[in-house]
Amino acid sequence: MEKYDDRCQCRIIHEDRVGGARRKALRADEIEGLSQFFKAFADPTRLRIIRALEEEEMCVCDLAAFLEVSESAVSHQLRLLRQLKLVVNRRQGQVLYYRLADDHVSRVAELALEHIRE
């Protein structure tokens, strides 16, 4: 059985391509930020929260009922999403409502969904 080898069969460095990639390279802090951003989308529970909040704001109790998990589990995920600036909250009396921070969050989720549905 032939083993797939994804390496070049000859050693040639295309300096113009390497230079182009270096010019477009992101700063280390930007790479880290993107990595953290996509980690948020990598967890099924967080992704379900993001999708639920695309429709309207919800409180922890509502999200827990929707997800069929504990309020504590939802709070933990919301804390992470808030730290990554993907969700924001507002207090109304004793109830804390969460919503997506902006439409970029839902656009990223929708774009990814379009990609996997191709």
PDB file of N, CA and C in Angstrom:
ATOM      1  N   MET A   1       0.840  -1.177   0.000  1.00  0.00           N
ATOM      2  CA  MET A   1       0.000   0.000   0.000  1.00  0.00           C
ATOM      3  C   MET A   1       0.886   1.242   0.000  1.00  0.00           C
ATOM      4  N   GLU A   2       0.587   2.169  -0.896  1.00  0.00           N
ATOM      5  CA  GLU A   2       1.386   3.379  -1.013  1.00  0.00           C
ATOM      6  C   GLU A   2       1.017   4.372   0.080  1.00  0.00           C
ATOM      7  N   LYS A   3       2.029   4.853   0.766  1.00  0.00           N
ATOM      8  CA  LYS A   3       1.822   5.842   1.820  1.00  0.00           C
ATOM      9  C   LYS A   3       1.745   7.226   1.193  1.00  0.00           C
ATOM     10  N   TYR A   4       0.735   7.998   1.613  1.00  0.00           N
ATOM     11  CA  TYR A   4       0.595   9.362   1.106  1.00  0.00           C
ATOM     12  C   TYR A   4       1.653  10.243   1.752  1.00  0.00           C
ATOM     13  N   ASP A   5       2.362  10.964   0.938  1.00  0.00           N
ATOM     14  CA  ASP A   5       3.410  11.861   1.425  1.00  0.00           C
ATOM     15  C   ASP A   5       3.076  13.269   0.951  1.00  0.00           C
ATOM     16  N   ASP A   6       2.827  14.167   1.905  1.00  0.00           N
ATOM     17  CA  ASP A   6       2.433  15.524   1.531  1.00  0.00           C
ATOM     18  C   ASP A   6       3.618  16.474   1.412  1.00  0.00           C
ATOM     19  N   ARG A   7       4.812  15.933   1.411  1.00  0.00           N
ATOM     20  CA  ARG A   7       5.999  16.775   1.245  1.00  0.00           C
ATOM     21  C   ARG A   7       6.364  16.895  -0.232  1.00  0.00           C
ATOM     22  N   CYS A   8       7.047  17.979  -0.570  1.00  0.00           N
ATOM     23  CA  CYS A   8       7.547  18.152  -1.934  1.00  0.00           C
ATOM     24  C   CYS A   8       8.542  17.044  -2.248  1.00  0.00           C
ATOM     25  N   GLN A   9       8.587  16.657  -3.503  1.00  0.00           N
ATOM     26  CA  GLN A   9       9.518  15.609  -3.914  1.00  0.00           C
ATOM     27  C   GLN A   9      10.902  16.166  -4.242  1.00  0.00           C
ATOM     28  N   CYS A  10      11.008  17.472  -4.361  1.00  0.00           N
ATOM     29  CA  CYS A  10      12.314  18.098  -4.570  1.00  0.00           C
ATOM     30  C   CYS A  10      12.398  19.332  -3.687  1.00  0.00           C
ATOM     31  N   ARG A  11      13.602  19.723  -3.374  1.00  0.00           N
ATOM     32  CA  ARG A  11      13.807  20.835  -2.431  1.00  0.00           C
ATOM     33  C   ARG A  11      14.042  22.122  -3.199  1.00  0.00           C
ATOM     34  N   ILE A  12      13.001  22.943  -3.311  1.00  0.00           N
ATOM     35  CA  ILE A  12      13.105  24.249  -3.961  1.00  0.00           C
ATOM     36  C   ILE A  12      12.385  25.248  -3.062  1.00  0.00           C
ATOM     37  N   ILE A  13      13.027  26.326  -2.749  1.00  0.00           N
ATOM     38  CA  ILE A  13      12.399  27.397  -1.961  1.00  0.00           C
ATOM     39  C   ILE A  13      11.989  28.494  -2.932  1.00  0.00           C
ATOM     40  N   HIS A  14      10.699  28.812  -2.948  1.00  0.00           N
ATOM     41  CA  HIS A  14      10.186  29.891  -3.788  1.00  0.00           C
ATOM     42  C   HIS A  14      10.188  31.158  -2.932  1.00  0.00           C
ATOM     43  N   GLU A  15      11.277  31.903  -3.031  1.00  0.00           N
ATOM     44  CA  GLU A  15      11.475  33.072  -2.180  1.00  0.00           C
ATOM     45  C   GLU A  15      10.333  34.079  -2.281  1.00  0.00           C
ATOM     46  N   ASP A  16       9.770  34.266  -3.475  1.00  0.00           N
ATOM     47  CA  ASP A  16       8.682  35.225  -3.635  1.00  0.00           C
ATOM     48  C   ASP A  16       7.437  34.779  -2.868  1.00  0.00           C
ATOM     49  N   ARG A  17       7.166  33.481  -2.858  1.00  0.00           N
ATOM     50  CA  ARG A  17       6.012  32.972  -2.127  1.00  0.00           C
ATOM     51  C   ARG A  17       6.233  33.038  -0.613  1.00  0.00           C
ATOM     52  N   VAL A  18       7.435  32.711  -0.206  1.00  0.00           N
ATOM     53  CA  VAL A  18       7.778  32.804   1.219  1.00  0.00           C
ATOM     54  C   VAL A  18       7.682  34.255   1.670  1.00  0.00           C
ATOM     55  N   GLY A  19       8.221  35.164   0.868  1.00  0.00           N
ATOM     56  CA  GLY A  19       8.160  36.593   1.198  1.00  0.00           C
ATOM     57  C   GLY A  19       6.727  37.094   1.270  1.00  0.00           C
ATOM     58  N   GLY A  20       5.896  36.669   0.327  1.00  0.00           N
ATOM     59  CA  GLY A  20       4.486  37.063   0.333  1.00  0.00           C
ATOM     60  C   GLY A  20       3.770  36.576   1.581  1.00  0.00           C
ATOM     61  N   ALA A  21       4.035  35.342   1.978  1.00  0.00           N
ATOM     62  CA  ALA A  21       3.425  34.793   3.194  1.00  0.00           C
ATOM     63  C   ALA A  21       3.898  35.562   4.421  1.00  0.00           C
ATOM     64  N   ARG A  22       5.169  35.928   4.447  1.00  0.00           N
ATOM     65  CA  ARG A  22       5.697  36.694   5.595  1.00  0.00           C
ATOM     66  C   ARG A  22       5.064  38.080   5.681  1.00  0.00           C
ATOM     67  N   ARG A  23       4.848  38.713   4.531  1.00  0.00           N
ATOM     68  CA  ARG A  23       4.237  40.044   4.537  1.00  0.00           C
ATOM     69  C   ARG A  23       2.795  39.992   5.042  1.00  0.00           C
ATOM     70  N   LYS A  24       2.119  38.918   4.772  1.00  0.00           N
ATOM     71  CA  LYS A  24       0.712  38.787   5.195  1.00  0.00           C
ATOM     72  C   LYS A  24       0.574  38.145   6.573  1.00  0.00           C
ATOM     73  N   ALA A  25       1.658  37.710   7.148  1.00  0.00           N
ATOM     74  CA  ALA A  25       1.609  37.017   8.440  1.00  0.00           C
ATOM     75  C   ALA A  25       1.040  37.926   9.524  1.00  0.00           C
ATOM     76  N   LEU A  26       0.276  37.325  10.407  1.00  0.00           N
ATOM     77  CA  LEU A  26      -0.311  38.067  11.521  1.00  0.00           C
ATOM     78  C   LEU A  26       0.680  38.173  12.671  1.00  0.00           C
ATOM     79  N   ARG A  27       0.462  39.185  13.510  1.00  0.00           N
ATOM     80  CA  ARG A  27       1.272  39.319  14.731  1.00  0.00           C
ATOM     81  C   ARG A  27       0.934  38.155  15.669  1.00  0.00           C
ATOM     82  N   ALA A  28       1.825  37.873  16.584  1.00  0.00           N
ATOM     83  CA  ALA A  28       1.633  36.765  17.530  1.00  0.00           C
ATOM     84  C   ALA A  28       0.366  36.955  18.365  1.00  0.00           C
ATOM     85  N   ASP A  29       0.079  38.193  18.797  1.00  0.00           N
ATOM     86  CA  ASP A  29      -1.116  38.425  19.604  1.00  0.00           C
ATOM     87  C   ASP A  29      -2.393  38.224  18.785  1.00  0.00           C
ATOM     88  N   GLU A  30      -2.326  38.531  17.490  1.00  0.00           N
ATOM     89  CA  GLU A  30      -3.485  38.301  16.626  1.00  0.00           C
ATOM     90  C   GLU A  30      -3.717  36.804  16.409  1.00  0.00           C
ATOM     91  N   ILE A  31      -2.652  36.079  16.214  1.00  0.00           N
ATOM     92  CA  ILE A  31      -2.757  34.615  16.061  1.00  0.00           C
ATOM     93  C   ILE A  31      -3.357  34.010  17.319  1.00  0.00           C
ATOM     94  N   GLU A  32      -2.892  34.443  18.480  1.00  0.00           N
ATOM     95  CA  GLU A  32      -3.414  33.922  19.752  1.00  0.00           C
ATOM     96  C   GLU A  32      -4.892  34.276  19.902  1.00  0.00           C
ATOM     97  N   GLY A  33      -5.255  35.502  19.563  1.00  0.00           N
ATOM     98  CA  GLY A  33      -6.656  35.911  19.640  1.00  0.00           C
ATOM     99  C   GLY A  33      -7.554  35.080  18.734  1.00  0.00           C
ATOM    100  N   LEU A  34      -7.104  34.846  17.504  1.00  0.00           N
ATOM    101  CA  LEU A  34      -7.878  34.008  16.586  1.00  0.00           C
ATOM    102  C   LEU A  34      -7.989  32.580  17.095  1.00  0.00           C
ATOM    103  N   SER A  35      -6.909  32.077  17.639  1.00  0.00           N
ATOM    104  CA  SER A  35      -6.927  30.728  18.188  1.00  0.00           C
ATOM    105  C   SER A  35      -7.950  30.605  19.303  1.00  0.00           C
ATOM    106  N   GLN A  36      -7.974  31.561  20.212  1.00  0.00           N
ATOM    107  CA  GLN A  36      -8.947  31.552  21.304  1.00  0.00           C
ATOM    108  C   GLN A  36     -10.374  31.710  20.775  1.00  0.00           C
ATOM    109  N   PHE A  37     -10.540  32.567  19.781  1.00  0.00           N
ATOM    110  CA  PHE A  37     -11.849  32.780  19.163  1.00  0.00           C
ATOM    111  C   PHE A  37     -12.389  31.464  18.612  1.00  0.00           C
ATOM    112  N   PHE A  38     -11.577  30.756  17.849  1.00  0.00           N
ATOM    113  CA  PHE A  38     -12.045  29.518  17.243  1.00  0.00           C
ATOM    114  C   PHE A  38     -12.181  28.385  18.254  1.00  0.00           C
ATOM    115  N   LYS A  39     -11.433  28.432  19.342  1.00  0.00           N
ATOM    116  CA  LYS A  39     -11.633  27.449  20.406  1.00  0.00           C
ATOM    117  C   LYS A  39     -13.040  27.570  20.986  1.00  0.00           C
ATOM    118  N   ALA A  40     -13.535  28.791  21.069  1.00  0.00           N
ATOM    119  CA  ALA A  40     -14.894  28.999  21.581  1.00  0.00           C
ATOM    120  C   ALA A  40     -15.907  28.294  20.699  1.00  0.00           C
ATOM    121  N   PHE A  41     -15.691  28.307  19.413  1.00  0.00           N
ATOM    122  CA  PHE A  41     -16.594  27.658  18.475  1.00  0.00           C
ATOM    123  C   PHE A  41     -16.383  26.147  18.420  1.00  0.00           C
ATOM    124  N   ALA A  42     -15.298  25.666  18.981  1.00  0.00           N
ATOM    125  CA  ALA A  42     -14.978  24.233  18.905  1.00  0.00           C
ATOM    126  C   ALA A  42     -15.746  23.395  19.920  1.00  0.00           C
ATOM    127  N   ASP A  43     -16.335  24.022  20.917  1.00  0.00           N
ATOM    128  CA  ASP A  43     -17.075  23.286  21.941  1.00  0.00           C
ATOM    129  C   ASP A  43     -18.555  23.229  21.554  1.00  0.00           C
ATOM    130  N   PRO A  44     -19.154  22.033  21.492  1.00  0.00           N
ATOM    131  CA  PRO A  44     -20.559  21.921  21.080  1.00  0.00           C
ATOM    132  C   PRO A  44     -21.527  22.725  21.944  1.00  0.00           C
ATOM    133  N   THR A  45     -21.326  22.756  23.241  1.00  0.00           N
ATOM    134  CA  THR A  45     -22.235  23.511  24.114  1.00  0.00           C
ATOM    135  C   THR A  45     -22.132  25.004  23.834  1.00  0.00           C
ATOM    136  N   ARG A  46     -20.926  25.512  23.711  1.00  0.00           N
ATOM    137  CA  ARG A  46     -20.763  26.940  23.417  1.00  0.00           C
ATOM    138  C   ARG A  46     -21.340  27.282  22.053  1.00  0.00           C
ATOM    139  N   LEU A  47     -21.158  26.406  21.092  1.00  0.00           N
ATOM    140  CA  LEU A  47     -21.706  26.650  19.767  1.00  0.00           C
ATOM    141  C   LEU A  47     -23.229  26.651  19.799  1.00  0.00           C
ATOM    142  N   ARG A  48     -23.823  25.782  20.566  1.00  0.00           N
ATOM    143  CA  ARG A  48     -25.287  25.775  20.702  1.00  0.00           C
ATOM    144  C   ARG A  48     -25.773  27.051  21.388  1.00  0.00           C
ATOM    145  N   ILE A  49     -25.022  27.548  22.359  1.00  0.00           N
ATOM    146  CA  ILE A  49     -25.369  28.816  23.016  1.00  0.00           C
ATOM    147  C   ILE A  49     -25.315  29.948  22.002  1.00  0.00           C
ATOM    148  N   ILE A  50     -24.250  29.998  21.232  1.00  0.00           N
ATOM    149  CA  ILE A  50     -24.099  31.049  20.221  1.00  0.00           C
ATOM    150  C   ILE A  50     -25.272  31.016  19.249  1.00  0.00           C
ATOM    151  N   ARG A  51     -25.618  29.836  18.772  1.00  0.00           N
ATOM    152  CA  ARG A  51     -26.735  29.720  17.824  1.00  0.00           C
ATOM    153  C   ARG A  51     -28.056  30.140  18.478  1.00  0.00           C
ATOM    154  N   ALA A  52     -28.259  29.767  19.725  1.00  0.00           N
ATOM    155  CA  ALA A  52     -29.496  30.140  20.420  1.00  0.00           C
ATOM    156  C   ALA A  52     -29.590  31.653  20.577  1.00  0.00           C
ATOM    157  N   LEU A  53     -28.475  32.289  20.863  1.00  0.00           N
ATOM    158  CA  LEU A  53     -28.470  33.736  21.079  1.00  0.00           C
ATOM    159  C   LEU A  53     -28.549  34.532  19.780  1.00  0.00           C
ATOM    160  N   GLU A  54     -28.464  33.865  18.649  1.00  0.00           N
ATOM    161  CA  GLU A  54     -28.649  34.563  17.377  1.00  0.00           C
ATOM    162  C   GLU A  54     -30.082  35.057  17.235  1.00  0.00           C
ATOM    163  N   GLU A  55     -31.015  34.347  17.842  1.00  0.00           N
ATOM    164  CA  GLU A  55     -32.429  34.700  17.723  1.00  0.00           C
ATOM    165  C   GLU A  55     -32.802  35.868  18.636  1.00  0.00           C
ATOM    166  N   GLU A  56     -32.453  35.745  19.920  1.00  0.00           N
ATOM    167  CA  GLU A  56     -32.759  36.796  20.888  1.00  0.00           C
ATOM    168  C   GLU A  56     -31.979  36.543  22.164  1.00  0.00           C
ATOM    169  N   GLU A  57     -31.933  37.554  23.018  1.00  0.00           N
ATOM    170  CA  GLU A  57     -31.227  37.399  24.285  1.00  0.00           C
ATOM    171  C   GLU A  57     -31.958  36.382  25.154  1.00  0.00           C
ATOM    172  N   MET A  58     -31.171  35.720  25.997  1.00  0.00           N
ATOM    173  CA  MET A  58     -31.729  34.705  26.889  1.00  0.00           C
ATOM    174  C   MET A  58     -31.012  34.771  28.222  1.00  0.00           C
ATOM    175  N   CYS A  59     -31.713  34.360  29.274  1.00  0.00           N
ATOM    176  CA  CYS A  59     -31.083  34.281  30.590  1.00  0.00           C
ATOM    177  C   CYS A  59     -30.486  32.880  30.776  1.00  0.00           C
ATOM    178  N   VAL A  60     -29.701  32.720  31.812  1.00  0.00           N
ATOM    179  CA  VAL A  60     -29.046  31.447  32.100  1.00  0.00           C
ATOM    180  C   VAL A  60     -30.081  30.331  32.259  1.00  0.00           C
ATOM    181  N   CYS A  61     -31.185  30.631  32.954  1.00  0.00           N
ATOM    182  CA  CYS A  61     -32.228  29.615  33.170  1.00  0.00           C
ATOM    183  C   CYS A  61     -32.797  29.120  31.845  1.00  0.00           C
ATOM    184  N   ASP A  62     -33.075  30.054  30.926  1.00  0.00           N
ATOM    185  CA  ASP A  62     -33.612  29.681  29.618  1.00  0.00           C
ATOM    186  C   ASP A  62     -32.610  28.848  28.829  1.00  0.00           C
ATOM    187  N   LEU A  63     -31.364  29.275  28.846  1.00  0.00           N
ATOM    188  CA  LEU A  63     -30.331  28.524  28.123  1.00  0.00           C
ATOM    189  C   LEU A  63     -30.154  27.129  28.706  1.00  0.00           C
ATOM    190  N   ALA A  64     -30.192  27.023  30.028  1.00  0.00           N
ATOM    191  CA  ALA A  64     -30.060  25.709  30.675  1.00  0.00           C
ATOM    192  C   ALA A  64     -31.219  24.801  30.271  1.00  0.00           C
ATOM    193  N   ALA A  65     -32.429  25.346  30.218  1.00  0.00           N
ATOM    194  CA  ALA A  65     -33.587  24.559  29.810  1.00  0.00           C
ATOM    195  C   ALA A  65     -33.453  24.126  28.352  1.00  0.00           C
ATOM    196  N   PHE A  66     -33.017  25.039  27.494  1.00  0.00           N
ATOM    197  CA  PHE A  66     -32.833  24.732  26.081  1.00  0.00           C
ATOM    198  C   PHE A  66     -31.788  23.634  25.885  1.00  0.00           C
ATOM    199  N   LEU A  67     -30.669  23.767  26.580  1.00  0.00           N
ATOM    200  CA  LEU A  67     -29.552  22.832  26.418  1.00  0.00           C
ATOM    201  C   LEU A  67     -29.724  21.541  27.212  1.00  0.00           C
ATOM    202  N   GLU A  68     -30.650  21.574  28.167  1.00  0.00           N
ATOM    203  CA  GLU A  68     -30.881  20.435  29.072  1.00  0.00           C
ATOM    204  C   GLU A  68     -29.619  20.100  29.867  1.00  0.00           C
ATOM    205  N   VAL A  69     -29.009  21.157  30.404  1.00  0.00           N
ATOM    206  CA  VAL A  69     -27.842  21.031  31.285  1.00  0.00           C
ATOM    207  C   VAL A  69     -28.076  21.938  32.488  1.00  0.00           C
ATOM    208  N   SER A  70     -27.193  21.867  33.457  1.00  0.00           N
ATOM    209  CA  SER A  70     -27.354  22.675  34.664  1.00  0.00           C
ATOM    210  C   SER A  70     -27.062  24.156  34.392  1.00  0.00           C
ATOM    211  N   GLU A  71     -27.647  25.003  35.225  1.00  0.00           N
ATOM    212  CA  GLU A  71     -27.376  26.437  35.122  1.00  0.00           C
ATOM    213  C   GLU A  71     -25.898  26.725  35.374  1.00  0.00           C
ATOM    214  N   SER A  72     -25.308  25.940  36.257  1.00  0.00           N
ATOM    215  CA  SER A  72     -23.884  26.098  36.546  1.00  0.00           C
ATOM    216  C   SER A  72     -23.042  25.840  35.295  1.00  0.00           C
ATOM    217  N   ALA A  73     -23.389  24.808  34.546  1.00  0.00           N
ATOM    218  CA  ALA A  73     -22.646  24.487  33.316  1.00  0.00           C
ATOM    219  C   ALA A  73     -22.792  25.611  32.294  1.00  0.00           C
ATOM    220  N   VAL A  74     -24.009  26.153  32.184  1.00  0.00           N
ATOM    221  CA  VAL A  74     -24.243  27.260  31.251  1.00  0.00           C
ATOM    222  C   VAL A  74     -23.462  28.490  31.692  1.00  0.00           C
ATOM    223  N   SER A  75     -23.495  28.801  32.977  1.00  0.00           N
ATOM    224  CA  SER A  75     -22.763  29.965  33.493  1.00  0.00           C
ATOM    225  C   SER A  75     -21.282  29.864  33.193  1.00  0.00           C
ATOM    226  N   HIS A  76     -20.739  28.668  33.341  1.00  0.00           N
ATOM    227  CA  HIS A  76     -19.317  28.446  33.059  1.00  0.00           C
ATOM    228  C   HIS A  76     -19.010  28.767  31.589  1.00  0.00           C
ATOM    229  N   GLN A  77     -19.847  28.280  30.683  1.00  0.00           N
ATOM    230  CA  GLN A  77     -19.619  28.524  29.258  1.00  0.00           C
ATOM    231  C   GLN A  77     -19.827  30.001  28.910  1.00  0.00           C
ATOM    232  N   LEU A  78     -20.827  30.623  29.509  1.00  0.00           N
ATOM    233  CA  LEU A  78     -21.064  32.043  29.260  1.00  0.00           C
ATOM    234  C   LEU A  78     -19.913  32.907  29.761  1.00  0.00           C
ATOM    235  N   ARG A  79     -19.321  32.515  30.864  1.00  0.00           N
ATOM    236  CA  ARG A  79     -18.173  33.260  31.394  1.00  0.00           C
ATOM    237  C   ARG A  79     -17.040  33.260  30.370  1.00  0.00           C
ATOM    238  N   LEU A  80     -16.774  32.097  29.793  1.00  0.00           N
ATOM    239  CA  LEU A  80     -15.718  32.003  28.787  1.00  0.00           C
ATOM    240  C   LEU A  80     -16.078  32.826  27.552  1.00  0.00           C
ATOM    241  N   LEU A  81     -17.316  32.717  27.085  1.00  0.00           N
ATOM    242  CA  LEU A  81     -17.746  33.487  25.919  1.00  0.00           C
ATOM    243  C   LEU A  81     -17.682  34.985  26.187  1.00  0.00           C
ATOM    244  N   ARG A  82     -17.984  35.391  27.410  1.00  0.00           N
ATOM    245  CA  ARG A  82     -17.911  36.808  27.778  1.00  0.00           C
ATOM    246  C   ARG A  82     -16.454  37.277  27.804  1.00  0.00           C
ATOM    247  N   GLN A  83     -15.565  36.452  28.335  1.00  0.00           N
ATOM    248  CA  GLN A  83     -14.148  36.807  28.378  1.00  0.00           C
ATOM    249  C   GLN A  83     -13.573  36.983  26.974  1.00  0.00           C
ATOM    250  N   LEU A  84     -14.087  36.202  26.031  1.00  0.00           N
ATOM    251  CA  LEU A  84     -13.633  36.306  24.641  1.00  0.00           C
ATOM    252  C   LEU A  84     -14.386  37.392  23.867  1.00  0.00           C
ATOM    253  N   LYS A  85     -15.258  38.111  24.572  1.00  0.00           N
ATOM    254  CA  LYS A  85     -16.028  39.213  23.998  1.00  0.00           C
ATOM    255  C   LYS A  85     -16.967  38.749  22.877  1.00  0.00           C
ATOM    256  N   LEU A  86     -17.483  37.527  23.033  1.00  0.00           N
ATOM    257  CA  LEU A  86     -18.437  37.000  22.062  1.00  0.00           C
ATOM    258  C   LEU A  86     -19.873  37.233  22.511  1.00  0.00           C
ATOM    259  N   VAL A  87     -20.081  37.344  23.831  1.00  0.00           N
ATOM    260  CA  VAL A  87     -21.399  37.664  24.368  1.00  0.00           C
ATOM    261  C   VAL A  87     -21.259  38.810  25.360  1.00  0.00           C
ATOM    262  N   VAL A  88     -22.358  39.516  25.533  1.00  0.00           N
ATOM    263  CA  VAL A  88     -22.447  40.569  26.550  1.00  0.00           C
ATOM    264  C   VAL A  88     -23.733  40.315  27.332  1.00  0.00           C
ATOM    265  N   ASN A  89     -23.833  40.961  28.495  1.00  0.00           N
ATOM    266  CA  ASN A  89     -25.039  40.762  29.291  1.00  0.00           C
ATOM    267  C   ASN A  89     -25.593  42.087  29.774  1.00  0.00           C
ATOM    268  N   ARG A  90     -26.829  42.013  30.223  1.00  0.00           N
ATOM    269  CA  ARG A  90     -27.464  43.164  30.847  1.00  0.00           C
ATOM    270  C   ARG A  90     -28.329  42.622  31.971  1.00  0.00           C
ATOM    271  N   ARG A  91     -28.433  43.393  33.022  1.00  0.00           N
ATOM    272  CA  ARG A  91     -29.231  42.988  34.185  1.00  0.00           C
ATOM    273  C   ARG A  91     -30.567  43.705  34.149  1.00  0.00           C
ATOM    274  N   GLN A  92     -31.624  42.933  34.397  1.00  0.00           N
ATOM    275  CA  GLN A  92     -32.961  43.490  34.567  1.00  0.00           C
ATOM    276  C   GLN A  92     -33.492  42.911  35.870  1.00  0.00           C
ATOM    277  N   GLY A  93     -33.425  43.709  36.904  1.00  0.00           N
ATOM    278  CA  GLY A  93     -33.775  43.197  38.234  1.00  0.00           C
ATOM    279  C   GLY A  93     -32.755  42.158  38.656  1.00  0.00           C
ATOM    280  N   GLN A  94     -33.245  40.975  38.980  1.00  0.00           N
ATOM    281  CA  GLN A  94     -32.345  39.897  39.388  1.00  0.00           C
ATOM    282  C   GLN A  94     -31.938  38.998  38.232  1.00  0.00           C
ATOM    283  N   VAL A  95     -32.470  39.279  37.053  1.00  0.00           N
ATOM    284  CA  VAL A  95     -32.205  38.414  35.901  1.00  0.00           C
ATOM    285  C   VAL A  95     -31.108  39.015  35.030  1.00  0.00           C
ATOM    286  N   LEU A  96     -30.151  38.161  34.641  1.00  0.00           N
ATOM    287  CA  LEU A  96     -29.058  38.560  33.768  1.00  0.00           C
ATOM    288  C   LEU A  96     -29.325  37.976  32.385  1.00  0.00           C
ATOM    289  N   TYR A  97     -29.492  38.845  31.403  1.00  0.00           N
ATOM    290  CA  TYR A  97     -29.763  38.416  30.033  1.00  0.00           C
ATOM    291  C   TYR A  97     -28.478  38.484  29.206  1.00  0.00           C
ATOM    292  N   TYR A  98     -28.272  37.477  28.358  1.00  0.00           N
ATOM    293  CA  TYR A  98     -27.097  37.421  27.494  1.00  0.00           C
ATOM    294  C   TYR A  98     -27.520  37.549  26.045  1.00  0.00           C
ATOM    295  N   ARG A  99     -26.651  38.184  25.268  1.00  0.00           N
ATOM    296  CA  ARG A  99     -26.857  38.295  23.825  1.00  0.00           C
ATOM    297  C   ARG A  99     -25.478  38.266  23.166  1.00  0.00           C
ATOM    298  N   LEU A 100     -25.462  38.048  21.866  1.00  0.00           N
ATOM    299  CA  LEU A 100     -24.199  38.080  21.140  1.00  0.00           C
ATOM    300  C   LEU A 100     -23.646  39.500  21.165  1.00  0.00           C
ATOM    301  N   ALA A 101     -22.350  39.611  21.239  1.00  0.00           N
ATOM    302  CA  ALA A 101     -21.699  40.919  21.341  1.00  0.00           C
ATOM    303  C   ALA A 101     -21.940  41.774  20.097  1.00  0.00           C
ATOM    304  N   ASP A 102     -21.946  41.148  18.935  1.00  0.00           N
ATOM    305  CA  ASP A 102     -22.209  41.867  17.688  1.00  0.00           C
ATOM    306  C   ASP A 102     -22.537  40.864  16.598  1.00  0.00           C
ATOM    307  N   ASP A 103     -22.845  41.356  15.421  1.00  0.00           N
ATOM    308  CA  ASP A 103     -23.256  40.448  14.344  1.00  0.00           C
ATOM    309  C   ASP A 103     -22.093  39.677  13.736  1.00  0.00           C
ATOM    310  N   HIS A 104     -20.853  40.044  14.053  1.00  0.00           N
ATOM    311  CA  HIS A 104     -19.707  39.270  13.557  1.00  0.00           C
ATOM    312  C   HIS A 104     -19.761  37.832  14.050  1.00  0.00           C
ATOM    313  N   VAL A 105     -20.183  37.656  15.286  1.00  0.00           N
ATOM    314  CA  VAL A 105     -20.207  36.321  15.886  1.00  0.00           C
ATOM    315  C   VAL A 105     -21.155  35.414  15.110  1.00  0.00           C
ATOM    316  N   SER A 106     -22.358  35.890  14.839  1.00  0.00           N
ATOM    317  CA  SER A 106     -23.311  35.057  14.106  1.00  0.00           C
ATOM    318  C   SER A 106     -22.895  34.886  12.650  1.00  0.00           C
ATOM    319  N   ARG A 107     -22.247  35.894  12.070  1.00  0.00           N
ATOM    320  CA  ARG A 107     -21.786  35.767  10.677  1.00  0.00           C
ATOM    321  C   ARG A 107     -20.710  34.698  10.545  1.00  0.00           C
ATOM    322  N   VAL A 108     -19.810  34.614  11.523  1.00  0.00           N
ATOM    323  CA  VAL A 108     -18.776  33.569  11.491  1.00  0.00           C
ATOM    324  C   VAL A 108     -19.432  32.199  11.587  1.00  0.00           C
ATOM    325  N   ALA A 109     -20.377  32.050  12.503  1.00  0.00           N
ATOM    326  CA  ALA A 109     -21.067  30.765  12.658  1.00  0.00           C
ATOM    327  C   ALA A 109     -21.820  30.404  11.382  1.00  0.00           C
ATOM    328  N   GLU A 110     -22.485  31.375  10.782  1.00  0.00           N
ATOM    329  CA  GLU A 110     -23.261  31.116   9.558  1.00  0.00           C
ATOM    330  C   GLU A 110     -22.344  30.760   8.398  1.00  0.00           C
ATOM    331  N   LEU A 111     -21.229  31.452   8.271  1.00  0.00           N
ATOM    332  CA  LEU A 111     -20.276  31.162   7.205  1.00  0.00           C
ATOM    333  C   LEU A 111     -19.712  29.746   7.350  1.00  0.00           C
ATOM    334  N   ALA A 112     -19.382  29.358   8.569  1.00  0.00           N
ATOM    335  CA  ALA A 112     -18.868  28.016   8.814  1.00  0.00           C
ATOM    336  C   ALA A 112     -19.930  26.969   8.467  1.00  0.00           C
ATOM    337  N   LEU A 113     -21.171  27.248   8.830  1.00  0.00           N
ATOM    338  CA  LEU A 113     -22.269  26.332   8.535  1.00  0.00           C
ATOM    339  C   LEU A 113     -22.459  26.181   7.024  1.00  0.00           C
ATOM    340  N   GLU A 114     -22.390  27.288   6.301  1.00  0.00           N
ATOM    341  CA  GLU A 114     -22.469  27.224   4.834  1.00  0.00           C
ATOM    342  C   GLU A 114     -21.369  26.334   4.278  1.00  0.00           C
ATOM    343  N   HIS A 115     -20.167  26.467   4.827  1.00  0.00           N
ATOM    344  CA  HIS A 115     -19.037  25.677   4.358  1.00  0.00           C
ATOM    345  C   HIS A 115     -19.268  24.176   4.571  1.00  0.00           C
ATOM    346  N   ILE A 116     -19.722  23.785   5.751  1.00  0.00           N
ATOM    347  CA  ILE A 116     -19.876  22.348   5.993  1.00  0.00           C
ATOM    348  C   ILE A 116     -21.076  21.760   5.271  1.00  0.00           C
ATOM    349  N   ARG A 117     -22.031  22.600   4.876  1.00  0.00           N
ATOM    350  CA  ARG A 117     -23.192  22.123   4.137  1.00  0.00           C
ATOM    351  C   ARG A 117     -22.920  21.970   2.633  1.00  0.00           C
ATOM    352  N   GLU A 118     -21.768  22.438   2.159  1.00  0.00           N
ATOM    353  CA  GLU A 118     -21.441  22.320   0.717  1.00  0.00           C
ATOM    354  C   GLU A 118     -21.306  20.878   0.316  1.00  0.00           C
TER     355      GLU A 118
END
